[in-house]
Amino acid sequence: MPEPLVATEIACRRGGRLLFEALSFRLEPGGALCLEGPNGSGKSSLLRLLAGLLEPAGGTIAGGGVRTYLGHDVALKPGLTLAADLGFWAGLDRGRARLPAAMAAMNVAALADIPCRHLSSGQRRRAGLARVLAAGADCWLLDEPTQGLDTASMALLATAMAAHRAAGGMIVTAVHGDIGLADPQHLRLG
């Protein structure tokens, strides 16, 4: 079981602008935290801080086990097939054995031989989510994960998130409404 994810008095500056300061929270294994607030309030920046992609302007971030991040851009290589692209990432994350189940869970297995340039935005989002599942990380950092998803795909994501939490995993996600998480904590920015 991973240690709780703990943010203590963190601050974030972007482009010379202070987005937030003195922000603290604690997320226990099995927990979920929904980041809420208007566009530009710092939700995406907070996720990037938690992922280690940005340095905080103050405070500390600790625990949370292995963390994986899915931003707005799924970053699929247009010339690769979906199987090749996800296989590359799964190899980096030691998730090759988990990849078939992850692709099935997000209903992208039938797209394995399709070049990524031909995927719709919803298919690209589901592929990115399959990459997150295959990574086997303790903490999922998701930036508006339902963007581009239809109702059926949102249900697949809700099922995957519930299973991850039931196994002791944690989720921190930027949201603009309900995404199917049961009893999440809420943190409003801005």
C-alpha atoms as a PDB file:
ATOM      1  CA  MET A   1       0.000   0.000   0.000  1.00  0.00           C
ATOM      2  CA  PRO A   2       1.475   3.399  -0.954  1.00  0.00           C
ATOM      3  CA  GLU A   3       1.944   6.223   1.503  1.00  0.00           C
ATOM      4  CA  PRO A   4      -0.653   9.012   1.446  1.00  0.00           C
ATOM      5  CA  LEU A   5      -0.064  11.855  -1.003  1.00  0.00           C
ATOM      6  CA  VAL A   6       0.639  14.962   1.070  1.00  0.00           C
ATOM      7  CA  ALA A   7       0.943  18.526  -0.207  1.00  0.00           C
ATOM      8  CA  THR A   8       2.055  21.030   2.419  1.00  0.00           C
ATOM      9  CA  GLU A   9       1.809  24.791   1.915  1.00  0.00           C
ATOM     10  CA  ILE A  10       2.582  24.556  -1.805  1.00  0.00           C
ATOM     11  CA  ALA A  11       2.629  27.576  -4.079  1.00  0.00           C
ATOM     12  CA  CYS A  12       2.656  27.836  -7.852  1.00  0.00           C
ATOM     13  CA  ARG A  13       3.855  30.632 -10.123  1.00  0.00           C
ATOM     14  CA  ARG A  14       3.326  30.527 -13.883  1.00  0.00           C
ATOM     15  CA  GLY A  15       4.396  33.315 -16.207  1.00  0.00           C
ATOM     16  CA  GLY A  16       5.203  35.553 -13.250  1.00  0.00           C
ATOM     17  CA  ARG A  17       1.670  35.154 -11.876  1.00  0.00           C
ATOM     18  CA  LEU A  18       0.956  33.541  -8.510  1.00  0.00           C
ATOM     19  CA  LEU A  19      -1.774  30.961  -9.168  1.00  0.00           C
ATOM     20  CA  PHE A  20      -2.053  29.722  -5.591  1.00  0.00           C
ATOM     21  CA  GLU A  21      -0.129  29.599  -2.328  1.00  0.00           C
ATOM     22  CA  ALA A  22      -0.347  27.917   1.075  1.00  0.00           C
ATOM     23  CA  LEU A  23      -2.273  25.024  -0.487  1.00  0.00           C
ATOM     24  CA  SER A  24      -2.301  21.836   1.582  1.00  0.00           C
ATOM     25  CA  PHE A  25      -4.088  18.507   1.355  1.00  0.00           C
ATOM     26  CA  ARG A  26      -3.682  14.845   2.291  1.00  0.00           C
ATOM     27  CA  LEU A  27      -4.998  12.012   0.126  1.00  0.00           C
ATOM     28  CA  GLU A  28      -5.122   8.539   1.648  1.00  0.00           C
ATOM     29  CA  PRO A  29      -4.763   5.298  -0.343  1.00  0.00           C
ATOM     30  CA  GLY A  30      -8.119   4.529  -1.957  1.00  0.00           C
ATOM     31  CA  GLY A  31      -9.015   8.205  -2.024  1.00  0.00           C
ATOM     32  CA  ALA A  32      -9.884  10.646  -4.760  1.00  0.00           C
ATOM     33  CA  LEU A  33      -9.469  14.405  -4.945  1.00  0.00           C
ATOM     34  CA  CYS A  34     -11.380  16.541  -7.437  1.00  0.00           C
ATOM     35  CA  LEU A  35      -9.750  19.857  -8.326  1.00  0.00           C
ATOM     36  CA  GLU A  36     -12.407  22.422  -9.159  1.00  0.00           C
ATOM     37  CA  GLY A  37     -12.376  26.018 -10.293  1.00  0.00           C
ATOM     38  CA  PRO A  38     -12.555  28.214 -13.355  1.00  0.00           C
ATOM     39  CA  ASN A  39     -10.159  27.925 -16.275  1.00  0.00           C
ATOM     40  CA  GLY A  40      -6.839  29.510 -15.376  1.00  0.00           C
ATOM     41  CA  SER A  41      -7.206  28.887 -11.639  1.00  0.00           C
ATOM     42  CA  GLY A  42      -4.266  26.457 -11.495  1.00  0.00           C
ATOM     43  CA  LYS A  43      -5.859  22.996 -11.688  1.00  0.00           C
ATOM     44  CA  SER A  44      -3.607  21.794 -14.524  1.00  0.00           C
ATOM     45  CA  SER A  45      -0.565  23.423 -12.948  1.00  0.00           C
ATOM     46  CA  LEU A  46      -1.259  21.660  -9.649  1.00  0.00           C
ATOM     47  CA  LEU A  47      -1.439  18.325 -11.464  1.00  0.00           C
ATOM     48  CA  ARG A  48       1.891  19.092 -13.166  1.00  0.00           C
ATOM     49  CA  LEU A  49       3.419  19.931  -9.781  1.00  0.00           C
ATOM     50  CA  LEU A  50       2.195  16.613  -8.376  1.00  0.00           C
ATOM     51  CA  ALA A  51       3.614  14.807 -11.429  1.00  0.00           C
ATOM     52  CA  GLY A  52       7.024  16.428 -10.931  1.00  0.00           C
ATOM     53  CA  LEU A  53       6.810  18.299 -14.251  1.00  0.00           C
ATOM     54  CA  LEU A  54       6.928  21.672 -12.480  1.00  0.00           C
ATOM     55  CA  GLU A  55       8.736  22.785  -9.338  1.00  0.00           C
ATOM     56  CA  PRO A  56       6.619  24.358  -6.609  1.00  0.00           C
ATOM     57  CA  ALA A  57       7.355  27.999  -5.783  1.00  0.00           C
ATOM     58  CA  GLY A  58       7.043  26.965  -2.139  1.00  0.00           C
ATOM     59  CA  GLY A  59       6.039  24.069   0.068  1.00  0.00           C
ATOM     60  CA  THR A  60       6.514  20.325  -0.302  1.00  0.00           C
ATOM     61  CA  ILE A  61       4.895  17.347  -2.003  1.00  0.00           C
ATOM     62  CA  ALA A  62       5.538  13.857  -0.634  1.00  0.00           C
ATOM     63  CA  GLY A  63       4.237  10.310  -0.785  1.00  0.00           C
ATOM     64  CA  GLY A  64       1.626   9.012  -3.162  1.00  0.00           C
ATOM     65  CA  GLY A  65       3.786   6.153  -4.421  1.00  0.00           C
ATOM     66  CA  VAL A  66       4.398   6.027  -8.155  1.00  0.00           C
ATOM     67  CA  ARG A  67       2.396   8.723  -9.942  1.00  0.00           C
ATOM     68  CA  THR A  68       1.299   8.833 -13.583  1.00  0.00           C
ATOM     69  CA  TYR A  69      -0.073  11.868 -15.400  1.00  0.00           C
ATOM     70  CA  LEU A  70      -2.517  12.308 -18.273  1.00  0.00           C
ATOM     71  CA  GLY A  71      -2.865  15.885 -19.514  1.00  0.00           C
ATOM     72  CA  HIS A  72      -5.082  17.428 -22.155  1.00  0.00           C
ATOM     73  CA  ASP A  73      -2.757  16.304 -24.950  1.00  0.00           C
ATOM     74  CA  VAL A  74      -2.635  12.515 -25.113  1.00  0.00           C
ATOM     75  CA  ALA A  75       0.643  12.717 -27.100  1.00  0.00           C
ATOM     76  CA  LEU A  76       0.186   9.799 -29.457  1.00  0.00           C
ATOM     77  CA  LYS A  77       2.617   9.515 -32.381  1.00  0.00           C
ATOM     78  CA  PRO A  78       0.572   9.987 -35.596  1.00  0.00           C
ATOM     79  CA  GLY A  79       2.629   7.518 -37.663  1.00  0.00           C
ATOM     80  CA  LEU A  80       2.514   4.659 -35.160  1.00  0.00           C
ATOM     81  CA  THR A  81      -0.310   2.203 -34.747  1.00  0.00           C
ATOM     82  CA  LEU A  82      -2.101   2.434 -31.443  1.00  0.00           C
ATOM     83  CA  ALA A  83      -0.616  -0.901 -30.339  1.00  0.00           C
ATOM     84  CA  ALA A  84       2.917   0.280 -31.140  1.00  0.00           C
ATOM     85  CA  ASP A  85       2.447   3.614 -29.371  1.00  0.00           C
ATOM     86  CA  LEU A  86       0.888   2.147 -26.236  1.00  0.00           C
ATOM     87  CA  GLY A  87       3.415  -0.699 -26.314  1.00  0.00           C
ATOM     88  CA  PHE A  88       6.258   1.838 -26.231  1.00  0.00           C
ATOM     89  CA  TRP A  89       4.825   3.545 -23.139  1.00  0.00           C
ATOM     90  CA  ALA A  90       3.979   0.241 -21.476  1.00  0.00           C
ATOM     91  CA  GLY A  91       7.592  -0.824 -21.976  1.00  0.00           C
ATOM     92  CA  LEU A  92       8.833   2.304 -20.214  1.00  0.00           C
ATOM     93  CA  ASP A  93       6.375   1.781 -17.356  1.00  0.00           C
ATOM     94  CA  ARG A  94       6.955  -1.992 -17.104  1.00  0.00           C
ATOM     95  CA  GLY A  95       3.314  -2.441 -17.999  1.00  0.00           C
ATOM     96  CA  ARG A  96       3.455  -4.710 -21.051  1.00  0.00           C
ATOM     97  CA  ALA A  97       1.676  -7.512 -19.168  1.00  0.00           C
ATOM     98  CA  ARG A  98      -1.084  -5.084 -18.086  1.00  0.00           C
ATOM     99  CA  LEU A  99      -1.537  -3.478 -21.525  1.00  0.00           C
ATOM    100  CA  PRO A 100      -4.033  -5.943 -23.099  1.00  0.00           C
ATOM    101  CA  ALA A 101      -6.377  -5.681 -20.098  1.00  0.00           C
ATOM    102  CA  ALA A 102      -5.984  -1.886 -20.034  1.00  0.00           C
ATOM    103  CA  MET A 103      -6.824  -1.624 -23.738  1.00  0.00           C
ATOM    104  CA  ALA A 104      -9.855  -3.853 -23.233  1.00  0.00           C
ATOM    105  CA  ALA A 105     -10.987  -1.871 -20.182  1.00  0.00           C
ATOM    106  CA  MET A 106     -11.013   1.355 -22.213  1.00  0.00           C
ATOM    107  CA  ASN A 107     -12.464  -0.323 -25.329  1.00  0.00           C
ATOM    108  CA  VAL A 108      -9.516   0.416 -27.632  1.00  0.00           C
ATOM    109  CA  ALA A 109      -8.281  -3.135 -28.275  1.00  0.00           C
ATOM    110  CA  ALA A 110     -10.077  -3.257 -31.636  1.00  0.00           C
ATOM    111  CA  LEU A 111      -8.139  -0.130 -32.677  1.00  0.00           C
ATOM    112  CA  ALA A 112      -4.712  -1.700 -32.094  1.00  0.00           C
ATOM    113  CA  ASP A 113      -3.697  -1.739 -35.782  1.00  0.00           C
ATOM    114  CA  ILE A 114      -5.025   1.745 -36.604  1.00  0.00           C
ATOM    115  CA  PRO A 115      -2.453   4.540 -37.062  1.00  0.00           C
ATOM    116  CA  CYS A 116      -2.931   7.079 -34.272  1.00  0.00           C
ATOM    117  CA  ARG A 117      -3.465   9.907 -36.790  1.00  0.00           C
ATOM    118  CA  HIS A 118      -6.811   8.307 -37.704  1.00  0.00           C
ATOM    119  CA  LEU A 119      -8.193   8.166 -34.171  1.00  0.00           C
ATOM    120  CA  SER A 120     -11.011  10.482 -33.087  1.00  0.00           C
ATOM    121  CA  SER A 121     -10.565  12.718 -30.053  1.00  0.00           C
ATOM    122  CA  GLY A 122     -12.598  10.303 -27.916  1.00  0.00           C
ATOM    123  CA  GLN A 123     -10.549   7.332 -29.108  1.00  0.00           C
ATOM    124  CA  ARG A 124      -7.350   9.251 -28.376  1.00  0.00           C
ATOM    125  CA  ARG A 125      -8.591  10.067 -24.862  1.00  0.00           C
ATOM    126  CA  ARG A 126      -9.508   6.411 -24.212  1.00  0.00           C
ATOM    127  CA  ALA A 127      -6.063   5.380 -25.498  1.00  0.00           C
ATOM    128  CA  GLY A 128      -4.442   7.798 -23.059  1.00  0.00           C
ATOM    129  CA  LEU A 129      -6.518   6.375 -20.240  1.00  0.00           C
ATOM    130  CA  ALA A 130      -5.492   2.846 -21.262  1.00  0.00           C
ATOM    131  CA  ARG A 131      -1.877   4.012 -20.988  1.00  0.00           C
ATOM    132  CA  VAL A 132      -2.589   5.216 -17.439  1.00  0.00           C
ATOM    133  CA  LEU A 133      -4.165   1.866 -16.513  1.00  0.00           C
ATOM    134  CA  ALA A 134      -1.262  -0.103 -17.997  1.00  0.00           C
ATOM    135  CA  ALA A 135       1.311   1.983 -16.103  1.00  0.00           C
ATOM    136  CA  GLY A 136       0.325   0.342 -12.818  1.00  0.00           C
ATOM    137  CA  ALA A 137       0.959   3.579 -10.898  1.00  0.00           C
ATOM    138  CA  ASP A 138      -0.321   4.104  -7.363  1.00  0.00           C
ATOM    139  CA  CYS A 139      -1.616   7.607  -8.046  1.00  0.00           C
ATOM    140  CA  TRP A 140      -3.374   8.743 -11.219  1.00  0.00           C
ATOM    141  CA  LEU A 141      -3.146  12.457 -12.030  1.00  0.00           C
ATOM    142  CA  LEU A 142      -5.866  13.168 -14.592  1.00  0.00           C
ATOM    143  CA  ASP A 143      -6.538  16.512 -16.260  1.00  0.00           C
ATOM    144  CA  GLU A 144     -10.208  16.598 -17.270  1.00  0.00           C
ATOM    145  CA  PRO A 145     -10.235  12.885 -18.139  1.00  0.00           C
ATOM    146  CA  THR A 146     -13.788  12.862 -19.539  1.00  0.00           C
ATOM    147  CA  GLN A 147     -13.008  15.488 -22.187  1.00  0.00           C
ATOM    148  CA  GLY A 148     -14.107  14.062 -25.542  1.00  0.00           C
ATOM    149  CA  LEU A 149     -15.696  10.946 -24.040  1.00  0.00           C
ATOM    150  CA  ASP A 150     -19.211   9.762 -24.790  1.00  0.00           C
ATOM    151  CA  THR A 151     -21.512   8.361 -22.094  1.00  0.00           C
ATOM    152  CA  ALA A 152     -20.389   4.747 -22.607  1.00  0.00           C
ATOM    153  CA  SER A 153     -16.717   5.714 -22.390  1.00  0.00           C
ATOM    154  CA  MET A 154     -17.349   7.763 -19.257  1.00  0.00           C
ATOM    155  CA  ALA A 155     -18.874   4.627 -17.701  1.00  0.00           C
ATOM    156  CA  LEU A 156     -15.724   2.654 -18.607  1.00  0.00           C
ATOM    157  CA  LEU A 157     -13.597   5.314 -16.929  1.00  0.00           C
ATOM    158  CA  ALA A 158     -15.802   5.305 -13.813  1.00  0.00           C
ATOM    159  CA  THR A 159     -15.431   1.523 -13.571  1.00  0.00           C
ATOM    160  CA  ALA A 160     -11.639   1.737 -13.974  1.00  0.00           C
ATOM    161  CA  MET A 161     -11.367   4.478 -11.342  1.00  0.00           C
ATOM    162  CA  ALA A 162     -13.470   2.501  -8.861  1.00  0.00           C
ATOM    163  CA  ALA A 163     -11.309  -0.608  -9.366  1.00  0.00           C
ATOM    164  CA  HIS A 164      -8.114   1.430  -8.949  1.00  0.00           C
ATOM    165  CA  ARG A 165      -9.349   2.939  -5.694  1.00  0.00           C
ATOM    166  CA  ALA A 166     -10.610  -0.432  -4.397  1.00  0.00           C
ATOM    167  CA  ALA A 167      -7.051  -1.740  -4.819  1.00  0.00           C
ATOM    168  CA  GLY A 168      -5.680   1.153  -2.731  1.00  0.00           C
ATOM    169  CA  GLY A 169      -4.886   3.481  -5.617  1.00  0.00           C
ATOM    170  CA  MET A 170      -5.365   7.246  -5.478  1.00  0.00           C
ATOM    171  CA  ILE A 171      -6.770   9.682  -8.032  1.00  0.00           C
ATOM    172  CA  VAL A 172      -6.297  13.433  -8.309  1.00  0.00           C
ATOM    173  CA  THR A 173      -8.287  14.929 -11.162  1.00  0.00           C
ATOM    174  CA  ALA A 174      -9.214  18.321 -12.550  1.00  0.00           C
ATOM    175  CA  VAL A 175     -12.945  18.389 -13.216  1.00  0.00           C
ATOM    176  CA  HIS A 176     -15.769  20.587 -14.434  1.00  0.00           C
ATOM    177  CA  GLY A 177     -18.570  18.456 -12.991  1.00  0.00           C
ATOM    178  CA  ASP A 178     -19.296  14.895 -11.935  1.00  0.00           C
ATOM    179  CA  ILE A 179     -17.056  12.249 -13.547  1.00  0.00           C
ATOM    180  CA  GLY A 180     -18.356   9.216 -11.680  1.00  0.00           C
ATOM    181  CA  LEU A 181     -16.089   9.170  -8.622  1.00  0.00           C
ATOM    182  CA  ALA A 182     -17.735   7.978  -5.413  1.00  0.00           C
ATOM    183  CA  ASP A 183     -17.238  10.231  -2.374  1.00  0.00           C
ATOM    184  CA  PRO A 184     -14.243  12.269  -3.547  1.00  0.00           C
ATOM    185  CA  GLN A 185     -12.618  15.065  -1.593  1.00  0.00           C
ATOM    186  CA  HIS A 186     -12.978  18.478  -3.277  1.00  0.00           C
ATOM    187  CA  LEU A 187     -10.432  21.257  -3.549  1.00  0.00           C
ATOM    188  CA  ARG A 188     -11.544  24.536  -5.113  1.00  0.00           C
ATOM    189  CA  LEU A 189      -8.906  26.741  -6.726  1.00  0.00           C
ATOM    190  CA  GLY A 190      -9.293  30.374  -7.744  1.00  0.00           C
END
